[in-house]
Amino acid sequence: MATVEELQEQINALLKQIQSLQEALAEVDKDKNIKEGVNNLKKQPSDSDKLEMRIVPDSSWLIAILDEKDTHHIPAASSLGAIFPYKPVFYIPALVYLETISRLIRVNKIPVKKCENKIERFLTKINYKHSQSLEISEILKKYKTFSRVKISKLHPLDFYIATEGVFLGAKILTCDVKMYYYVKKYYKNIYFLTDKVKEKGSDLANLIKNIQISK
């Protein structure tokens, strides 16, 4: 595993690339309809895709799952247990891995080896898919239409996660209330999964209800 400093350098470089793209793409077709932008971004699902319940986790939710001392650990872990019976497929962006590892080690002070073991144990429990790299061409392809939406003003990491969720038609899980409120304006399938924040209750009941309806 890379050092914390190396991970942070990778994160900063990737975020800088995404931010530059956000700024450039925000100038494209400003007058186009927002709904058109979101609809054009969504991937047309195949028959197999329709049977797959897709989840894109925000790093705040993933960190809460992995760190037992995190404020949001219990509600986040409860949400994970609640959706397991529905056989979700987790799509975890490479940047989410980087941010999660960096935060666990740098901020939460978890030893590198312990952090690595936590992630490995988590991955053995879930059905997941993830990208190994973050390509500029990939970002351009996915987000040139979505840049019309004001979501492009999000922090670059949140922007990447949110647009990945929209592109996949996935349910986004987060414990970040600011991200939740901003993304919710444009994409309904984002769920706030902690009851530890005064200004917002947990969406766990709504998440389960919507999963059951879609089955």
Foldseek 3Di string as FASTA:
>chain_A
DDDLVVLVVVLVVVLVLLLVVLVVLLPPPLPDDLLVLLVVLADDDDPVLLLAAEEEEALQLVLLCLDVPDPFVVLSVVLVVLCVVSQHEYEYEPSSVSVNLSCCCPPVVDDNVSSVVSVVVVPVSHHYDYDPDDDSVVCCVNCSSNSSDPLSVDRSSLSVRLSVCSHSVHQYEHCDPVSCVVSCVRDVRYWNGGCSDDVDHGCSVVNSVVSVVSD
